[in-house]
Structure formats: structure tokens, C-alpha cells
Protein backbone atom coordinates (compact mmCIF):
# COMPACT_ATOMS: atom_id res chain seq x y z
CA MET A 1 62.06 -48.73 34.96
CA THR A 2 63.30 -46.00 33.19
CA LYS A 3 61.60 -42.50 33.64
CA ALA A 4 59.94 -42.72 30.17
CA THR A 5 57.17 -46.40 31.59
CA LYS A 6 56.77 -45.00 34.91
CA GLY A 7 54.95 -42.31 33.27
CA PHE A 8 52.99 -44.27 30.85
CA ARG A 9 51.69 -46.76 33.08
CA PRO A 10 48.96 -44.48 35.16
CA ILE A 11 48.27 -42.98 31.15
CA ALA A 12 47.24 -46.17 29.95
CA ALA A 13 45.30 -47.50 32.93
CA ALA A 14 43.61 -43.97 32.78
CA VAL A 15 42.71 -44.37 28.76
CA CYS A 16 41.34 -48.15 29.49
CA ALA A 17 39.72 -47.33 32.39
CA VAL A 18 37.74 -44.70 30.28
CA ALA A 19 37.61 -46.83 27.53
CA LEU A 20 35.86 -49.80 29.64
CA GLY A 21 33.32 -46.96 31.56
CA GLY A 22 32.39 -45.30 28.41
CA MET A 23 31.27 -48.72 26.57
CA PHE A 24 29.21 -49.65 29.49
CA VAL A 25 27.49 -45.67 29.04
CA LEU A 26 26.26 -47.35 25.41
CA ILE A 27 23.94 -49.32 26.84
CA PRO A 28 20.92 -49.31 26.94
CA GLN A 29 19.24 -49.61 29.95
CA GLY A 30 16.05 -50.41 28.58
CA ALA A 31 16.73 -53.48 26.86
CA ALA A 32 18.19 -55.22 29.69
CA ALA A 33 15.42 -54.09 31.81
CA SER A 34 12.86 -55.25 29.41
CA GLN A 35 13.27 -59.24 29.55
CA ASP A 36 11.71 -61.07 31.29
CA PRO A 37 13.67 -63.22 33.58
CA GLN A 38 12.03 -66.21 33.45
CA ARG A 39 12.50 -66.18 29.69
CA PRO A 40 15.57 -65.71 28.58
CA ASP A 41 15.28 -65.45 24.94
CA SER A 42 12.46 -63.81 24.55
CA TYR A 43 12.89 -60.52 23.55
CA ASN A 44 10.72 -57.21 22.84
CA SER A 45 10.43 -55.42 19.35
CA ALA A 46 12.59 -52.73 20.45
CA SER A 47 15.47 -55.05 20.94
CA GLY A 48 15.80 -55.38 17.34
CA VAL A 49 15.93 -58.73 17.67
CA PRO A 50 12.56 -60.67 15.93
CA ALA A 51 10.99 -62.99 17.38
CA GLU A 52 10.74 -66.99 16.72
CA LYS A 53 8.40 -66.89 14.11
CA PRO A 54 5.09 -68.76 14.44
CA ALA A 55 5.00 -72.99 12.57
CA LYS A 56 3.58 -72.87 9.72
CA ALA A 57 -0.06 -74.38 9.86
CA THR A 58 0.10 -77.21 7.81
CA PRO A 59 -3.14 -78.47 6.11
CA THR A 60 -6.06 -81.24 7.39
CA PRO A 61 -6.59 -84.54 5.63
CA ALA A 62 -9.85 -82.29 4.79
CA ASP A 63 -8.79 -79.16 3.44
CA ARG A 64 -5.89 -81.23 1.09
CA THR A 65 -9.66 -83.01 0.01
CA MET A 66 -11.25 -79.67 -0.58
CA SER A 67 -8.06 -78.60 -2.51
CA GLU A 68 -7.66 -82.03 -4.61
CA LYS A 69 -11.54 -81.83 -5.89
CA ILE A 70 -11.45 -78.03 -6.99
CA ARG A 71 -7.99 -78.72 -8.69
CA LYS A 72 -10.21 -81.99 -10.07
CA LYS A 73 -12.61 -79.47 -11.81
CA ILE A 74 -10.05 -76.87 -12.95
CA ALA A 75 -8.45 -79.77 -15.19
CA ALA A 76 -11.61 -81.41 -15.82
CA ASP A 77 -12.46 -77.87 -18.46
CA LYS A 78 -11.69 -77.45 -21.66
CA SER A 79 -12.01 -73.96 -22.40
CA ILE A 80 -10.19 -72.99 -19.20
CA SER A 81 -6.06 -72.01 -20.63
CA SER A 82 -2.83 -73.60 -19.88
CA GLU A 83 -2.29 -70.73 -17.68
CA GLY A 84 -5.37 -71.51 -15.36
CA ARG A 85 -5.27 -75.03 -15.27
CA ARG A 86 -1.72 -74.11 -13.31
CA VAL A 87 -3.79 -71.78 -10.75
CA LYS A 88 -1.87 -72.76 -7.24
CA VAL A 89 -4.99 -73.58 -4.93
CA THR A 90 -4.18 -73.24 -1.63
CA THR A 91 -7.01 -74.40 1.61
CA GLN A 92 -5.92 -73.66 4.98
CA SER A 93 -9.50 -74.28 7.83
CA GLY A 94 -11.49 -74.41 4.96
CA LYS A 95 -10.55 -71.46 4.12
CA VAL A 96 -8.84 -71.30 -0.44
CA THR A 97 -6.84 -69.03 -1.56
CA LEU A 98 -6.35 -69.30 -4.95
CA ALA A 99 -3.17 -67.62 -6.90
CA GLY A 100 -1.64 -67.08 -10.33
CA SER A 101 -2.79 -66.07 -13.60
CA ALA A 102 -5.97 -66.59 -15.72
CA GLN A 103 -5.48 -65.29 -19.88
CA SER A 104 -8.84 -63.73 -19.03
CA GLU A 105 -11.56 -62.54 -16.91
CA ALA A 106 -14.36 -64.50 -17.88
CA GLU A 107 -11.78 -67.84 -17.26
CA ARG A 108 -10.74 -66.30 -13.41
CA THR A 109 -14.31 -65.77 -13.18
CA SER A 110 -14.38 -69.67 -13.77
CA ILE A 111 -12.12 -71.14 -11.55
CA PHE A 112 -13.79 -69.38 -8.96
CA THR A 113 -16.68 -70.87 -9.77
CA LYS A 114 -15.39 -73.90 -9.39
CA ALA A 115 -13.86 -73.55 -6.23
CA ALA A 116 -17.24 -72.01 -4.91
CA ASP A 117 -18.60 -74.99 -6.51
CA VAL A 118 -16.67 -77.08 -3.73
CA ALA A 119 -16.11 -74.30 -0.72
CA GLY A 120 -18.64 -71.95 -0.78
CA GLY A 121 -18.51 -69.25 -2.35
CA THR A 122 -17.07 -67.58 1.18
CA ASN A 123 -14.64 -69.71 1.51
CA VAL A 124 -12.45 -68.57 -1.44
CA VAL A 125 -9.77 -65.77 -1.58
CA ASN A 126 -10.13 -64.93 -5.80
CA ASN A 127 -5.91 -63.56 -5.99
CA ILE A 128 -5.93 -64.59 -9.83
CA THR A 129 -5.41 -61.97 -11.89
CA VAL A 130 -5.47 -61.85 -15.09
CA SER A 131 -2.32 -61.64 -17.80
CA ALA A 132 -2.17 -59.37 -19.93
CA GLN A 133 -3.68 -59.22 -23.73
CA ASN A 134 -1.89 -60.08 -26.83
């Protein structure tokens, strides 16, 4: 080996040791310590990894039947505009949510009343907006 190579190896080894040692310092101590060893895929909010989303709840047959009854009542009313007939009706655990738009406040109220007749007034959330008048 030449003198230049002999002098370079200790320096290179020292640089690598410092670089590798510095990497361990950058790892947050709390993130590794707070993870549950029994559940390795569980993370806390400080870890930056989002938790699994809960499964989307599926409506029961009774919920689907209730939504269908409300849609039929809305469709049967010829005074409701085509925009109002496209209101989305979803039911989950007996609670009905109306979403979409209507052409007037009276139409919005009419759609809500039809849903309340089927589900009960306290079981209906009215998220229908009134579209801008021309």
C-alpha cells in the first residue's frame, strides 16, 4: 500500500462511523418506545402513520327499504323539479340524510317533509341546498 492509501483508510472509517452513528441520533426516541410490541402494526398519532380507517358501515335491508320508500314518494310528486328528484337519500341505522340541491326553499321543504313522513322528523338530516335562481 502506498502512504496515501494508508492515511485514507482511518479517515474514511472515521467518517463512516460518524455518519452511521449520526443516523441513530436522528430517529425519534418516543416513536419507537410508544409502539405496542404485541401489535407491531399499531401506531400512535405522533408516528405520522395514519391508523387504519374503520370499515364503511353498510345499510341494513330495513335502511334500504326506507330509502327506497322516500325516493318513490319524491318521484311521485310531479311538482318537484328534476333537480329535486336527483336528491341523494341515504339511510344508516334508521337515520336518513338528504343531500343535493332543490330549485326553491319550498321544494327543499317538500322533499324534507316526504322523508320525515317515512322516517320521522327527528331522524332526517336535511343537507339539501337551494340552487341559485336564474
